[in-house]
């Protein structure tokens, strides 16, 4: 079947009662998670991840993808209403969204965000359908050498997923890969690095690591930084969400441009949604009608980045499903849910499990509709949720996370490790290390080992096998470029800065 036939096939499955319920619950929970500052999509997905293991893998994937999509939108609501972004990609929404709210257009700002999210989601899915026929044949030609380059090289490239120095990403990722080796060896069936603790034979649970790194560390952050001010929040009615015709005209082209910018960033490694929102804002500053006034309540400054936010979320599904490369911690948990059920993400997914692949793509369309149906009538509820005190919120997150972690292996040692890893995650975050890299390292670490062993077997022990195909060489070249390019860029900037400083000091006073 072609891409559009596959989408219609997936849509038929996605509108089944259980998947509609999963999409609705995910959209509602995701928006709620996004509205509560400091939690974010990863912590929310970490809490529900253990629950998804008890259901069909499709239900779990739809639930997590709905949370992922909705939380991106929910984080922008607090940016507009109280000038506090729910997550990094919601920062740009404060630039013009909050000034719009101060002008009495808070309802219209939320309406513009809802419209941009829906349009970008629909356009993003359309672009996915157009690009899949190009990506799939290339992906199907991959063997162990290409997959090893993709996973091992992807680990190196994704170590920069949260920015910062190379060490701040590589160190946590190395820890994640090391944790992936704990437990029973899949080939020889003997215990590794369990130190005599029989409970560790099942390995390090992804749910435990995720809840510890994000849930527990977020609680510590919330207790440390109780600074959300909600005074002066006014009531917003449903009829207040409708923008004026002039606002719709100003938002129309930014919606389109932001959708395309977002999808382009979404298929690339890195914090795609964050980069997409800042990139879209810069595009609107350069191309938008009436280029001045940004930062004072321009509709274009809110519409473009919010569309880019949603477009990047949809775009990031393509490398996650077709290549098995999660460019975010939330998508890493989605792939982990697939692996628990014996479903392998990657190029063969679309052939071996077409119902799962196309249903997830179609479910994104359904989730976009759910977002509109949920957020239009419930905008008043989100304002009340913003007022939730920390002393009620933190214990709730801790309780849900503990129940979820224990339900995976019914193992008390997971709860102890959850607390220890949560404390370690808090320290790593305070030291500006990327804890998302550790999570991705745990997910991809086992795949790197698998493809390495397969490649060594096919190459009769010759490591040169991993560079025996043109595709593998191209992939490793791209990895090298991804690592070296930022270093060269900083070096070039220092050289330029040094030349300017030398020119200024060499110019005699009084001369220009």
Protein backbone atom coordinates (compact mmCIF):
# COMPACT_ATOMS: atom_id res chain seq x y z
CA UNK A 1 0.00 0.00 0.00
CA UNK A 2 1.14 3.56 -0.65
CA UNK A 3 1.46 6.20 2.03
CA UNK A 4 -2.05 7.63 1.72
CA UNK A 5 -3.63 4.17 1.69
CA UNK A 6 -1.58 3.34 4.77
CA UNK A 7 -2.77 6.50 6.50
CA UNK A 8 -6.42 5.66 5.79
CA UNK A 9 -5.81 2.13 7.05
CA UNK A 10 -4.25 3.51 10.22
CA UNK A 11 -7.06 6.02 10.65
CA UNK A 12 -9.60 3.20 10.57
CA UNK A 13 -7.74 1.56 13.48
CA UNK A 14 -7.09 4.84 15.30
CA UNK A 15 -10.81 5.62 15.63
CA UNK A 16 -11.45 2.35 17.48
CA UNK A 17 -12.92 2.97 20.97
CA UNK A 18 -9.81 1.95 22.97
CA UNK A 19 -7.46 4.11 20.90
CA UNK A 20 -9.84 7.07 21.00
CA UNK A 21 -9.89 6.77 24.80
CA UNK A 22 -6.07 6.54 24.85
CA UNK A 23 -5.77 9.61 22.61
CA UNK A 24 -8.23 11.57 24.75
CA UNK A 25 -6.57 10.64 28.05
CA UNK A 26 -3.13 11.35 26.60
CA UNK A 27 -4.19 14.73 25.23
CA UNK A 28 -5.82 15.70 28.52
CA UNK A 29 -2.94 14.45 30.67
CA UNK A 30 -0.36 15.98 28.33
CA UNK A 31 -1.98 19.40 28.46
CA UNK A 32 -2.22 19.16 32.24
CA UNK A 33 1.46 18.17 32.46
CA UNK A 34 2.45 21.06 30.20
CA UNK A 35 0.39 23.57 32.18
CA UNK A 36 2.12 22.66 35.43
CA UNK A 37 5.53 24.40 35.19
CA UNK A 38 8.56 22.22 35.79
CA UNK A 39 7.05 18.80 35.06
CA UNK A 40 7.32 18.54 31.27
CA UNK A 41 6.49 15.72 28.84
CA UNK A 42 9.31 13.42 29.94
CA UNK A 43 8.20 13.25 33.58
CA UNK A 44 4.60 12.73 32.46
CA UNK A 45 5.52 9.97 30.03
CA UNK A 46 7.74 8.41 32.70
CA UNK A 47 4.79 8.16 35.07
CA UNK A 48 2.49 6.49 32.51
CA UNK A 49 5.16 4.32 30.86
CA UNK A 50 4.83 1.39 33.31
CA UNK A 51 1.05 1.43 32.83
CA UNK A 52 1.42 1.00 29.07
CA UNK A 53 3.21 -2.33 29.56
CA UNK A 54 -0.09 -3.87 30.68
CA UNK A 55 -1.86 -3.06 27.41
CA UNK A 56 -1.43 -3.58 23.69
CA UNK A 57 1.73 -1.79 22.43
CA UNK A 58 -0.41 0.36 20.14
CA UNK A 59 -2.38 1.69 23.10
CA UNK A 60 0.84 2.58 24.91
CA UNK A 61 2.35 4.30 21.87
CA UNK A 62 -0.78 6.35 21.22
CA UNK A 63 -0.95 7.35 24.88
CA UNK A 64 2.69 8.46 25.05
CA UNK A 65 2.58 10.23 21.66
CA UNK A 66 -0.58 12.09 22.72
CA UNK A 67 1.12 13.19 25.93
CA UNK A 68 4.17 14.27 23.92
CA UNK A 69 2.09 16.33 21.49
CA UNK A 70 -0.24 17.87 24.07
CA UNK A 71 2.42 18.75 26.63
CA UNK A 72 4.24 20.87 24.04
CA UNK A 73 1.06 22.93 23.73
CA UNK A 74 0.24 22.96 27.44
CA UNK A 75 3.60 24.44 28.34
CA UNK A 76 2.84 27.48 26.21
CA UNK A 77 -0.37 28.24 28.10
CA UNK A 78 1.53 29.26 31.24
CA UNK A 79 3.92 31.24 29.04
CA UNK A 80 1.00 33.35 27.85
CA UNK A 81 -0.95 33.55 31.11
CA UNK A 82 1.77 34.02 33.75
CA UNK A 83 4.97 34.54 31.74
CA UNK A 84 6.49 31.26 33.00
CA UNK A 85 7.26 28.67 30.29
CA UNK A 86 6.32 25.09 31.07
CA UNK A 87 9.37 23.81 29.17
CA UNK A 88 12.28 25.04 27.04
CA UNK A 89 10.30 25.08 23.79
CA UNK A 90 7.67 27.30 25.47
CA UNK A 91 10.13 30.12 26.16
CA UNK A 92 9.46 31.88 22.84
CA UNK A 93 5.74 32.04 23.64
CA UNK A 94 6.55 34.49 26.44
CA UNK A 95 8.08 37.00 23.99
CA UNK A 96 4.78 38.09 22.42
CA UNK A 97 2.18 35.85 24.08
CA UNK A 98 2.46 37.41 27.51
CA UNK A 99 2.40 41.00 26.16
CA UNK A 100 -0.78 40.03 24.24
CA UNK A 101 -2.30 38.81 27.51
CA UNK A 102 -1.34 42.08 29.23
CA UNK A 103 -3.20 43.91 26.47
CA UNK A 104 -6.37 41.99 27.33
CA UNK A 105 -5.98 39.50 24.45
CA UNK A 106 -5.09 36.41 26.52
CA UNK A 107 -8.07 34.49 25.12
CA UNK A 108 -7.15 35.36 21.55
CA UNK A 109 -3.54 34.34 22.21
CA UNK A 110 -4.66 30.90 23.40
CA UNK A 111 -6.95 30.65 20.36
CA UNK A 112 -4.03 31.47 18.05
CA UNK A 113 -1.96 28.75 19.73
CA UNK A 114 -4.76 26.18 19.33
CA UNK A 115 -5.13 27.09 15.65
CA UNK A 116 -1.40 26.96 15.01
CA UNK A 117 -1.01 23.62 16.77
CA UNK A 118 -3.83 22.04 14.74
CA UNK A 119 -2.69 23.42 11.38
CA UNK A 120 0.93 22.42 11.98
CA UNK A 121 -0.11 18.93 13.07
CA UNK A 122 -2.17 18.38 9.92
CA UNK A 123 0.50 19.83 7.60
CA UNK A 124 3.21 17.84 9.38
CA UNK A 125 1.34 14.58 8.83
CA UNK A 126 0.87 15.48 5.15
CA UNK A 127 4.63 16.06 4.79
CA UNK A 128 5.29 12.74 6.56
CA UNK A 129 3.12 10.95 3.98
CA UNK A 130 5.03 12.63 1.14
CA UNK A 131 8.51 11.84 2.51
CA UNK A 132 7.98 8.25 3.70
CA UNK A 133 8.22 6.77 0.15
CA UNK A 134 11.66 8.40 -0.14
CA UNK A 135 12.98 7.42 3.29
CA UNK A 136 11.69 3.83 3.46
CA UNK A 137 13.65 2.26 0.53
CA UNK A 138 16.89 3.75 1.85
CA UNK A 139 16.19 2.51 5.36
CA UNK A 140 15.32 -1.02 4.15
CA UNK A 141 18.77 -1.39 2.57
CA UNK A 142 20.46 -1.19 5.98
CA UNK A 143 22.46 -4.11 7.40
CA UNK A 144 24.39 -4.57 10.69
CA UNK A 145 27.15 -2.17 9.56
CA UNK A 146 24.65 0.61 8.80
CA UNK A 147 22.59 -0.06 11.91
CA UNK A 148 25.70 0.02 14.10
CA UNK A 149 26.76 3.32 12.52
CA UNK A 150 23.22 4.63 13.02
CA UNK A 151 22.92 3.60 16.67
CA UNK A 152 26.50 4.04 17.90
CA UNK A 153 26.99 7.19 15.83
CA UNK A 154 23.55 8.36 16.88
CA UNK A 155 24.56 7.99 20.52
CA UNK A 156 27.52 10.29 19.94
CA UNK A 157 25.48 12.83 17.98
CA UNK A 158 22.57 12.70 20.41
CA UNK A 159 24.90 13.33 23.33
CA UNK A 160 24.58 16.99 22.34
CA UNK A 161 20.77 16.80 22.52
CA UNK A 162 20.54 19.37 25.29
CA UNK A 163 23.40 21.57 24.14
CA UNK A 164 26.24 22.45 26.48
CA UNK A 165 29.72 20.99 26.33
CA UNK A 166 30.61 17.61 24.82
CA UNK A 167 31.40 16.20 28.25
CA UNK A 168 28.04 17.29 29.69
CA UNK A 169 26.31 15.01 27.18
CA UNK A 170 28.82 12.20 26.70
CA UNK A 171 29.31 11.44 30.41
CA UNK A 172 25.62 10.81 31.22
CA UNK A 173 25.23 8.89 27.96
CA UNK A 174 28.17 6.63 28.86
CA UNK A 175 26.52 5.99 32.23
CA UNK A 176 23.28 5.11 30.43
CA UNK A 177 25.07 2.66 28.12
CA UNK A 178 26.80 1.09 31.14
CA UNK A 179 23.45 0.69 32.90
CA UNK A 180 22.12 -1.09 29.80
CA UNK A 181 24.66 -3.89 30.39
CA UNK A 182 23.33 -4.66 33.88
CA UNK A 183 21.31 -7.88 34.07
CA UNK A 184 21.18 -11.14 32.14
CA UNK A 185 23.24 -11.28 28.97
CA UNK A 186 20.94 -11.91 26.00
CA UNK A 187 23.43 -14.17 24.17
CA UNK A 188 25.13 -16.24 26.89
CA UNK A 189 22.41 -15.93 29.57
CA UNK A 190 24.68 -15.10 32.50
CA UNK A 191 24.35 -12.24 34.94
CA UNK A 192 26.48 -9.14 34.41
CA UNK A 193 27.27 -6.45 36.97
CA UNK A 194 24.59 -7.59 39.43
CA UNK A 195 27.11 -7.79 42.33
CA UNK A 196 25.30 -10.78 43.79
CA UNK A 197 21.93 -8.98 43.96
CA UNK A 198 19.56 -11.41 42.26
CA UNK A 199 16.88 -8.74 41.81
CA UNK A 200 19.16 -6.92 39.35
CA UNK A 201 19.10 -9.91 36.97
CA UNK A 202 16.14 -8.32 35.17
CA UNK A 203 18.25 -5.26 34.41
CA UNK A 204 17.77 -1.57 35.00
CA UNK A 205 14.15 -0.63 34.33
CA UNK A 206 13.68 2.27 31.96
CA UNK A 207 10.60 3.34 33.91
CA UNK A 208 12.63 3.44 37.13
CA UNK A 209 15.40 5.46 35.49
CA UNK A 210 12.94 7.87 33.85
CA UNK A 211 10.86 8.47 36.97
CA UNK A 212 14.01 8.90 39.05
CA UNK A 213 15.82 11.24 36.66
CA UNK A 214 12.79 13.36 35.85
CA UNK A 215 10.05 12.76 38.40
CA UNK A 216 12.12 12.77 41.60
CA UNK A 217 14.58 15.41 40.43
CA UNK A 218 11.67 17.62 39.30
CA UNK A 219 10.11 17.32 42.76
CA UNK A 220 13.38 18.47 44.31
CA UNK A 221 13.47 21.39 41.88
CA UNK A 222 9.87 22.32 42.65
CA UNK A 223 10.53 22.31 46.38
CA UNK A 224 13.64 24.41 45.85
CA UNK A 225 12.06 26.95 43.49
CA UNK A 226 8.52 27.80 44.58
CA UNK A 227 8.17 30.97 42.58
CA UNK A 228 5.03 30.73 40.46
CA UNK A 229 2.96 33.86 40.85
CA UNK A 230 -0.63 33.60 39.64
CA UNK A 231 -1.99 36.82 41.03
CA UNK A 232 -4.03 38.83 38.60
CA UNK A 233 -5.05 35.92 36.38
CA UNK A 234 -8.38 36.84 34.86
CA UNK A 235 -11.12 34.48 33.78
CA UNK A 236 -11.14 33.48 30.10
CA UNK A 237 -14.41 32.40 28.53
CA UNK A 238 -14.81 30.24 25.43
CA UNK A 239 -15.97 33.18 23.31
CA UNK A 240 -12.81 35.07 24.26
CA UNK A 241 -10.69 32.50 22.39
CA UNK A 242 -11.78 33.69 18.94
CA UNK A 243 -9.17 36.00 17.34
CA UNK A 244 -10.30 38.95 15.24
CA UNK A 245 -10.15 38.77 11.45
CA UNK A 246 -7.09 41.00 11.44
CA UNK A 247 -5.34 38.67 13.92
CA UNK A 248 -6.22 35.62 11.80
CA UNK A 249 -4.83 37.32 8.67
CA UNK A 250 -1.61 38.18 10.48
CA UNK A 251 -1.30 34.61 11.83
CA UNK A 252 -2.06 32.71 8.59
CA UNK A 253 1.36 32.87 6.89
CA UNK A 254 3.33 32.44 10.16
CA UNK A 255 1.27 29.27 10.79
CA UNK A 256 2.35 27.90 7.40
CA UNK A 257 5.99 28.96 7.69
CA UNK A 258 6.23 27.73 11.27
CA UNK A 259 4.80 24.33 10.32
CA UNK A 260 7.46 23.78 7.66
CA UNK A 261 10.29 25.10 9.85
CA UNK A 262 9.15 22.85 12.68
CA UNK A 263 9.02 19.72 10.54
CA UNK A 264 12.47 20.45 9.15
CA UNK A 265 13.96 20.70 12.64
CA UNK A 266 11.92 17.70 13.82
CA UNK A 267 13.68 15.19 11.59
CA UNK A 268 17.12 16.39 12.75
CA UNK A 269 18.98 15.34 15.93
CA UNK A 270 18.88 17.75 18.82
CA UNK A 271 16.27 19.61 20.89
CA UNK A 272 14.11 20.01 17.78
CA UNK A 273 11.08 21.73 19.31
CA UNK A 274 13.22 24.30 21.13
CA UNK A 275 15.36 25.04 18.07
CA UNK A 276 12.27 25.16 15.86
CA UNK A 277 10.51 27.78 17.99
CA UNK A 278 13.53 30.07 18.14
CA UNK A 279 14.20 29.50 14.43
CA UNK A 280 10.60 30.30 13.50
CA UNK A 281 10.65 33.46 15.61
CA UNK A 282 13.76 34.61 13.75
CA UNK A 283 12.10 33.81 10.41
CA UNK A 284 9.09 35.93 11.33
CA UNK A 285 11.34 38.79 12.37
CA UNK A 286 12.97 38.64 8.93
CA UNK A 287 9.94 37.93 6.72
CA UNK A 288 6.86 39.01 8.63
CA UNK A 289 4.77 41.94 7.49
CA UNK A 290 5.51 45.05 9.51
CA UNK A 291 8.79 43.70 10.81
CA UNK A 292 8.91 45.89 13.88
CA UNK A 293 7.08 45.48 17.17
CA UNK A 294 8.24 41.97 18.05
CA UNK A 295 8.31 41.44 21.79
CA UNK A 296 5.43 43.84 22.35
CA UNK A 297 2.52 41.53 21.49
CA UNK A 298 2.87 40.70 17.76
CA UNK A 299 0.52 37.92 16.64
CA UNK A 300 3.15 36.64 14.17
CA UNK A 301 5.65 36.27 17.02
CA UNK A 302 3.30 33.83 18.73
CA UNK A 303 1.65 32.06 15.76
CA UNK A 304 4.85 31.02 13.94
CA UNK A 305 6.75 29.51 16.89
CA UNK A 306 3.67 27.67 18.18
CA UNK A 307 3.12 26.09 14.77
CA UNK A 308 6.82 25.20 14.67
CA UNK A 309 6.50 23.60 18.11
CA UNK A 310 3.78 21.24 16.90
CA UNK A 311 5.43 20.62 13.52
CA UNK A 312 8.68 19.57 15.18
CA UNK A 313 6.81 17.13 17.40
CA UNK A 314 5.24 15.42 14.38
CA UNK A 315 8.49 15.48 12.39
CA UNK A 316 10.48 13.83 15.18
CA UNK A 317 8.25 10.75 14.86
CA UNK A 318 9.80 9.89 11.47
CA UNK A 319 13.38 9.10 12.62
CA UNK A 320 12.03 7.50 15.81
CA UNK A 321 9.77 5.01 14.02
CA UNK A 322 11.60 4.45 10.71
CA UNK A 323 15.20 4.59 11.94
CA UNK A 324 14.80 3.70 15.61
CA UNK A 325 16.52 6.93 16.65
CA UNK A 326 14.71 8.85 19.40
CA UNK A 327 15.75 12.50 19.29
CA UNK A 328 14.15 13.16 22.68
CA UNK A 329 13.80 11.33 25.98
CA UNK A 330 10.01 11.08 25.52
CA UNK A 331 10.40 9.29 22.19
CA UNK A 332 13.03 7.03 23.79
CA UNK A 333 10.35 5.87 26.23
CA UNK A 334 7.94 5.26 23.36
CA UNK A 335 10.49 3.02 21.66
CA UNK A 336 11.11 1.25 24.98
CA UNK A 337 7.38 0.50 25.21
CA UNK A 338 7.61 -1.07 21.75
CA UNK A 339 10.64 -3.16 22.70
CA UNK A 340 8.96 -4.49 25.84
CA UNK A 341 6.22 -5.91 23.59
CA UNK A 342 8.74 -7.42 21.17
CA UNK A 343 8.21 -4.78 18.46
CA UNK A 344 11.48 -3.56 16.97
CA UNK A 345 11.54 0.07 15.77
CA UNK A 346 13.38 0.68 12.53
CA UNK A 347 13.11 0.31 8.76
CA UNK A 348 11.29 -3.04 8.93
CA UNK A 349 8.53 -1.68 11.20
CA UNK A 350 6.44 -0.41 8.30
CA UNK A 351 6.51 -3.88 6.65
CA UNK A 352 6.31 -6.15 9.69
CA UNK A 353 3.87 -4.07 11.75
CA UNK A 354 2.06 -1.77 9.30
CA UNK A 355 -0.99 -1.57 11.54
CA UNK A 356 1.16 -0.19 14.39
CA UNK A 357 3.13 2.29 12.29
CA UNK A 358 0.17 3.76 10.41
CA UNK A 359 -2.05 3.78 13.47
CA UNK A 360 0.46 5.93 15.36
CA UNK A 361 0.71 8.36 12.43
CA UNK A 362 -3.09 8.52 12.15
CA UNK A 363 -3.41 8.86 15.93
CA UNK A 364 -1.38 12.08 15.75
CA UNK A 365 -4.12 13.50 13.53
CA UNK A 366 -6.78 12.33 16.01
CA UNK A 367 -4.78 13.83 18.89
CA UNK A 368 -4.70 17.21 17.15
CA UNK A 369 -8.50 17.15 16.99
CA UNK A 370 -8.61 16.10 20.65
CA UNK A 371 -6.45 19.08 21.58
CA UNK A 372 -8.97 21.46 20.05
CA UNK A 373 -11.91 19.71 21.72
CA UNK A 374 -10.19 19.67 25.11
CA UNK A 375 -8.50 23.06 25.29
CA UNK A 376 -11.29 25.25 23.95
CA UNK A 377 -13.82 24.47 26.71
CA UNK A 378 -11.28 23.80 29.48
CA UNK A 379 -9.10 26.91 29.28
CA UNK A 380 -10.64 28.13 32.54
CA UNK A 381 -9.65 24.87 34.22
CA UNK A 382 -6.02 25.29 33.20
CA UNK A 383 -5.94 28.68 34.92
CA UNK A 384 -7.07 27.02 38.16
CA UNK A 385 -4.51 24.23 37.70
CA UNK A 386 -1.71 26.80 37.47
CA UNK A 387 -2.60 27.79 41.03
CA UNK A 388 -1.94 24.25 42.40
CA UNK A 389 0.39 24.57 45.41
CA UNK A 390 3.66 22.65 45.39
CA UNK A 391 2.88 20.83 48.67
CA UNK A 392 -0.03 19.08 46.91
CA UNK A 393 1.60 18.59 43.51
CA UNK A 394 4.92 17.04 44.60
CA UNK A 395 3.47 14.16 46.69
CA UNK A 396 1.04 13.31 43.89
CA UNK A 397 3.86 12.95 41.35
CA UNK A 398 5.92 10.88 43.81
CA UNK A 399 3.03 8.51 44.57
CA UNK A 400 2.10 7.94 40.92
CA UNK A 401 5.73 7.41 39.94
CA UNK A 402 6.37 4.92 42.75
CA UNK A 403 3.27 2.90 41.86
CA UNK A 404 4.27 2.82 38.20
CA UNK A 405 7.87 1.79 38.87
CA UNK A 406 6.89 -0.99 41.28
CA UNK A 407 4.29 -2.37 38.88
CA UNK A 408 6.92 -3.13 36.19
CA UNK A 409 8.87 -5.86 38.05
CA UNK A 410 7.11 -5.80 41.47
CA UNK A 411 10.59 -5.33 42.86
CA UNK A 412 11.32 -3.16 45.90
CA UNK A 413 14.91 -2.59 44.83
CA UNK A 414 13.58 -0.54 41.90
CA UNK A 415 12.01 1.90 44.36
CA UNK A 416 15.30 2.27 46.24
CA UNK A 417 17.19 2.80 43.00
CA UNK A 418 14.54 5.29 41.88
CA UNK A 419 15.25 7.49 44.89
CA UNK A 420 19.04 7.20 44.49
CA UNK A 421 18.89 7.94 40.76
CA UNK A 422 16.52 10.85 41.43
CA UNK A 423 19.06 12.40 43.81
CA UNK A 424 21.84 11.76 41.28
CA UNK A 425 19.71 13.29 38.51
CA UNK A 426 19.12 16.40 40.63
CA UNK A 427 22.87 16.79 41.17
CA UNK A 428 23.63 16.23 37.48
CA UNK A 429 21.06 18.85 36.47
CA UNK A 430 22.49 21.34 38.94
CA UNK A 431 25.89 20.69 37.33
CA UNK A 432 24.37 21.28 33.85
CA UNK A 433 24.70 17.67 32.66
CA UNK A 434 22.20 16.32 30.12
CA UNK A 435 20.09 13.68 31.88
CA UNK A 436 18.19 13.08 28.63
CA UNK A 437 21.43 11.64 27.25
CA UNK A 438 21.50 9.04 30.02
CA UNK A 439 17.98 7.90 29.19
CA UNK A 440 18.76 7.62 25.48
CA UNK A 441 21.98 5.79 26.31
CA UNK A 442 20.02 3.14 28.22
CA UNK A 443 17.58 2.65 25.31
CA UNK A 444 20.14 2.57 22.49
CA UNK A 445 22.92 0.86 24.45
CA UNK A 446 21.43 -2.61 24.05
CA UNK A 447 20.89 -2.02 20.32
CA UNK A 448 24.50 -0.93 19.85
CA UNK A 449 25.68 -4.16 21.49
CA UNK A 450 23.34 -6.25 19.34
CA UNK A 451 24.42 -4.72 16.02
CA UNK A 452 28.09 -4.83 17.03
CA UNK A 453 27.92 -8.56 17.72
CA UNK A 454 25.99 -9.20 14.50
CA UNK A 455 28.52 -7.18 12.51
CA UNK A 456 31.51 -8.94 14.05
CA UNK A 457 29.91 -12.28 13.21
CA UNK A 458 29.23 -11.30 9.58
CA UNK A 459 32.72 -9.79 9.24
CA UNK A 460 34.41 -12.87 10.73
CA UNK A 461 35.86 -10.75 13.53
CA UNK A 462 37.17 -7.99 11.26
CA UNK A 463 36.27 -4.50 12.64
CA UNK A 464 36.71 -3.14 9.12
CA UNK A 465 33.30 -4.62 8.30
CA UNK A 466 31.68 -1.60 9.95
CA UNK A 467 33.18 0.63 7.24
CA UNK A 468 32.62 -1.81 4.38
CA UNK A 469 29.63 -0.06 2.76
CA UNK A 470 29.26 3.45 1.33
CA UNK A 471 26.21 4.11 3.50
CA UNK A 472 28.11 3.27 6.70
CA UNK A 473 30.97 5.56 5.65
CA UNK A 474 28.51 8.41 4.95
CA UNK A 475 26.83 7.91 8.33
CA UNK A 476 30.12 7.97 10.23
CA UNK A 477 31.17 11.06 8.26
CA UNK A 478 27.98 12.81 9.33
CA UNK A 479 28.63 11.83 12.94
CA UNK A 480 32.16 13.22 12.71
CA UNK A 481 30.79 16.42 11.20
CA UNK A 482 28.19 16.74 13.97
CA UNK A 483 30.91 16.45 16.62
CA UNK A 484 33.57 18.60 14.94
CA UNK A 485 31.37 21.36 13.48
CA UNK A 486 30.52 23.06 16.82
CA UNK A 487 34.19 22.96 17.86
CA UNK A 488 35.32 24.48 14.56
CA UNK A 489 32.56 27.10 14.77
CA UNK A 490 33.68 28.21 18.24
CA UNK A 491 37.32 28.25 17.12
CA UNK A 492 36.44 30.40 14.11
CA UNK A 493 34.48 32.77 16.34
CA UNK A 494 37.48 33.15 18.69
CA UNK A 495 39.78 33.82 15.73
CA UNK A 496 37.41 36.50 14.37
CA UNK A 497 37.10 38.03 17.82
CA UNK A 498 40.87 38.08 18.18
CA UNK A 499 41.30 39.81 14.83
CA UNK A 500 38.77 42.48 15.72
CA UNK A 501 40.46 43.06 19.08
CA UNK A 502 43.87 43.27 17.39
CA UNK A 503 42.55 45.80 14.83
CA UNK A 504 41.03 47.96 17.57
CA UNK A 505 44.21 48.00 19.66
CA UNK A 506 46.40 48.66 16.62
CA UNK A 507 44.38 51.74 15.58
CA UNK A 508 45.92 54.92 17.10
CA UNK A 509 43.67 57.03 19.30
CA UNK A 510 41.94 59.82 17.49
CA UNK A 511 41.92 57.95 14.17
CA UNK A 512 39.02 56.03 12.67
